[in-house]
Protein backbone atom coordinates (compact mmCIF):
# COMPACT_ATOMS: atom_id res chain seq x y z
CA MET A 1 -11.64 20.85 -14.66
CA SER A 2 -15.47 20.59 -14.39
CA GLY A 3 -15.57 24.28 -13.30
CA PHE A 4 -13.89 23.66 -9.98
CA ARG A 5 -10.85 25.65 -8.98
CA HIS A 6 -8.45 25.10 -6.09
CA VAL A 7 -7.50 28.57 -4.71
CA GLY A 8 -5.17 27.71 -1.85
CA ASP A 9 -4.30 25.82 1.32
CA ARG A 10 -4.02 27.01 4.89
CA LEU A 11 -1.73 24.74 6.97
CA VAL A 12 -3.62 23.44 10.06
CA HIS A 13 -1.07 20.87 11.23
CA ARG A 14 2.51 19.97 10.14
CA GLY A 15 3.30 16.34 10.98
CA TYR A 16 6.22 14.00 10.63
CA ILE A 17 5.05 12.72 7.19
CA TRP A 18 1.59 14.23 6.65
CA ASN A 19 0.27 17.72 6.70
CA VAL A 20 -3.31 18.70 7.30
CA VAL A 21 -4.58 21.71 5.37
CA GLU A 22 -7.82 23.62 4.99
CA ALA A 23 -8.10 23.81 1.19
CA SER A 24 -10.17 26.50 -0.42
CA PHE A 25 -12.05 25.98 -3.63
CA VAL A 26 -14.49 27.77 -5.96
CA GLY A 27 -17.28 25.59 -7.41
CA PRO A 28 -18.82 25.77 -10.91
CA GLY A 29 -21.52 28.16 -9.71
CA GLY A 30 -18.93 30.54 -8.12
CA GLU A 31 -19.56 29.30 -4.56
CA HIS A 32 -16.57 29.18 -2.25
CA PHE A 33 -16.03 26.14 -0.03
CA GLN A 34 -13.36 24.49 2.18
CA ARG A 35 -12.29 20.92 2.71
CA ASP A 36 -9.84 19.46 5.20
CA ILE A 37 -7.21 17.48 3.35
CA VAL A 38 -4.31 15.31 4.44
CA ARG A 39 -1.38 16.06 2.15
CA SER A 40 0.70 12.93 1.74
CA PRO A 41 3.82 11.83 -0.16
CA GLY A 42 1.95 8.67 -1.03
CA ALA A 43 2.93 5.10 -0.38
CA VAL A 44 3.87 1.78 -1.95
CA GLY A 45 2.72 -1.78 -1.42
CA VAL A 46 4.16 -5.04 -2.74
CA VAL A 47 2.49 -8.42 -3.14
CA PRO A 48 5.53 -10.73 -2.84
CA VAL A 49 4.87 -14.01 -4.59
CA ARG A 50 7.02 -17.19 -4.40
CA PHE A 51 6.16 -20.55 -5.98
CA ASP A 52 6.23 -23.74 -3.97
CA PRO A 53 7.87 -26.94 -5.42
CA GLU A 54 4.57 -27.84 -7.15
CA GLY A 55 4.42 -24.38 -8.80
CA ASN A 56 1.64 -22.99 -6.58
CA PRO A 57 1.84 -19.29 -5.71
CA VAL A 58 2.57 -18.37 -2.05
CA VAL A 59 2.31 -14.75 -0.80
CA VAL A 60 4.36 -13.24 1.90
CA LEU A 61 2.34 -11.02 4.29
CA VAL A 62 2.84 -9.36 7.64
CA ARG A 63 0.69 -9.32 10.70
CA GLN A 64 1.32 -5.91 12.25
CA TYR A 65 -0.11 -3.90 15.11
CA ARG A 66 -1.95 -0.80 13.78
CA ALA A 67 -2.45 1.89 16.45
CA ALA A 68 -5.35 3.65 14.57
CA PHE A 69 -7.45 0.52 15.08
CA ASP A 70 -5.70 -0.85 18.21
CA GLU A 71 -5.46 -4.30 16.64
CA HIS A 72 -3.19 -6.52 14.57
CA VAL A 73 -3.80 -6.32 10.77
CA VAL A 74 -2.70 -8.77 8.08
CA GLU A 75 -1.18 -6.74 5.20
CA ILE A 76 1.14 -6.90 2.31
CA PRO A 77 4.55 -5.26 2.88
CA ALA A 78 4.12 -1.56 2.38
CA GLY A 79 5.32 1.89 3.43
CA MET A 80 5.35 5.55 2.98
CA ARG A 81 7.22 7.35 0.19
CA ASP A 82 9.08 9.29 2.89
CA VAL A 83 12.44 9.68 1.05
CA GLU A 84 12.13 12.71 -1.15
CA GLY A 85 12.79 12.01 -4.80
CA GLU A 86 12.99 8.23 -4.37
CA ASP A 87 11.55 6.25 -7.22
CA PRO A 88 8.51 4.23 -6.11
CA GLU A 89 10.16 0.93 -7.18
CA VAL A 90 13.22 1.72 -4.96
CA THR A 91 10.80 2.43 -2.03
CA ALA A 92 9.00 -0.87 -2.72
CA ASN A 93 12.26 -2.86 -2.52
CA ARG A 94 13.31 -0.94 0.55
CA GLU A 95 10.05 -1.74 2.25
CA LEU A 96 10.35 -5.47 1.31
CA ALA A 97 13.83 -5.59 2.92
CA GLU A 98 12.69 -3.68 6.05
CA GLU A 99 9.55 -5.68 6.69
CA VAL A 100 10.13 -9.24 5.42
CA GLY A 101 13.79 -9.48 4.53
CA LEU A 102 13.25 -9.96 0.77
CA ALA A 103 14.25 -8.15 -2.39
CA ALA A 104 12.37 -8.63 -5.68
CA GLY A 105 14.29 -9.36 -8.82
CA GLN A 106 11.20 -8.30 -10.74
CA LEU A 107 8.66 -5.59 -9.66
CA THR A 108 5.65 -5.21 -11.88
CA LEU A 109 3.34 -2.20 -11.36
CA LEU A 110 -0.19 -3.54 -10.84
CA THR A 111 -1.95 -0.19 -10.31
CA ARG A 112 -1.81 3.19 -8.72
CA PHE A 113 -4.87 3.99 -6.66
CA MET A 114 -6.31 6.59 -4.28
CA PRO A 115 -6.72 4.95 -0.90
CA SER A 116 -9.09 7.59 0.51
CA ALA A 117 -10.05 10.15 -2.13
CA GLY A 118 -12.40 12.02 0.21
CA MET A 119 -9.64 12.99 2.77
CA THR A 120 -6.17 12.72 1.28
CA ASP A 121 -4.22 13.34 -1.92
CA SER A 122 -2.28 10.13 -1.25
CA VAL A 123 -1.58 7.77 -4.17
CA LEU A 124 -0.41 4.21 -3.51
CA HIS A 125 1.81 2.43 -6.09
CA LEU A 126 0.95 -1.29 -5.91
CA TYR A 127 3.46 -3.88 -7.20
CA LEU A 128 3.74 -7.57 -7.80
CA GLY A 129 7.10 -8.70 -6.49
CA THR A 130 8.65 -11.91 -7.99
CA GLU A 131 12.12 -13.51 -8.26
CA LEU A 132 12.44 -12.99 -4.46
CA ARG A 133 15.68 -13.42 -2.64
CA GLU A 134 16.51 -13.13 1.03
CA VAL A 135 18.30 -9.96 2.25
CA PRO A 136 18.96 -8.54 5.74
CA ARG A 137 15.79 -7.39 7.49
CA GLN A 138 15.86 -3.82 8.72
CA THR A 139 12.84 -3.08 10.87
CA HIS A 140 11.96 0.46 12.07
CA GLY A 141 9.91 1.10 15.19
CA PRO A 142 8.12 -1.08 17.69
CA GLU A 143 5.34 -2.15 15.22
CA GLU A 144 7.89 -3.51 12.74
CA ASP A 145 10.05 -5.06 15.42
CA ALA A 146 7.03 -7.05 16.71
CA MET A 147 5.47 -7.86 13.29
CA GLU A 148 4.93 -11.45 12.30
CA ILE A 149 5.78 -12.67 8.78
CA VAL A 150 3.01 -14.90 7.36
CA ALA A 151 3.41 -16.97 4.22
CA LEU A 152 0.12 -18.21 2.74
CA PRO A 153 -0.88 -20.00 -0.40
CA LEU A 154 -2.46 -17.33 -2.67
CA GLY A 155 -5.76 -19.20 -2.79
CA GLU A 156 -5.99 -19.21 1.03
CA ALA A 157 -5.11 -15.50 1.22
CA VAL A 158 -7.91 -14.72 -1.26
CA GLU A 159 -10.34 -16.89 0.78
CA ARG A 160 -9.40 -14.79 3.84
CA VAL A 161 -10.18 -11.62 1.78
CA LEU A 162 -13.58 -13.03 0.77
CA SER A 163 -14.41 -14.07 4.37
CA GLY A 164 -13.55 -10.64 5.69
CA GLU A 165 -10.54 -11.80 7.72
CA ILE A 166 -8.15 -9.73 5.52
CA ARG A 167 -9.62 -6.25 5.36
CA ASP A 168 -6.67 -3.84 4.63
CA ALA A 169 -7.54 -2.05 1.34
CA LYS A 170 -4.17 -2.25 -0.36
CA THR A 171 -3.91 -5.97 0.61
CA VAL A 172 -7.37 -6.77 -0.71
CA ILE A 173 -6.77 -4.96 -3.94
CA GLY A 174 -3.31 -6.53 -4.42
CA LEU A 175 -4.28 -10.09 -3.64
CA LEU A 176 -7.29 -9.96 -5.91
CA MET A 177 -5.35 -8.43 -8.77
CA VAL A 178 -2.57 -11.02 -8.53
CA GLU A 179 -4.96 -13.89 -8.21
CA ARG A 180 -6.90 -12.73 -11.26
CA GLY A 181 -3.68 -12.05 -13.17
CA LEU A 182 -2.38 -15.55 -12.57
CA ARG A 183 -5.77 -17.05 -13.53
CA VAL A 184 -5.78 -15.10 -16.82
CA ALA A 185 -2.15 -16.13 -17.51
CA ASP A 186 -3.22 -19.79 -16.99
CA GLY A 187 -6.18 -19.32 -19.27
CA THR A 188 -8.72 -20.16 -16.52
């Protein structure tokens, strides 16, 4: 592929979910080089959409403490693909139940994207969740125990993206894709 060749990994750190490796490569001109890479099982995210009595879309989000930033972040329900061999759709519905107490009767794959191609091999499967029904909520850990469920009209959520209030990448991508998809479906 373009003259680059991956020749191996040296484990630097084994974590609970992620491993950090020093990966060795050979470039097109024969030069050897290394890159630090976070090896990840990947993740899923779901944009859960309900419709109010007037037919307007409402998204269900969470406001969750994120230790890496030491702040609360508004996000779509999401989680790691930490159950080996589990289909991403199953993971998506499991995360919906854990975080917001919902199950989707219909999950539609919006996209698969690389959240940080310069540092990790992680791929995030992003879904639209519709035909939502309530199920028991099963939080895990102090962040999920304390998270707040936030339901917003889709238009307001998109405005919060455009104003910079919602900054989480998977949430920005998901909300904009769903909003565009609904506009296209309506012919606007």
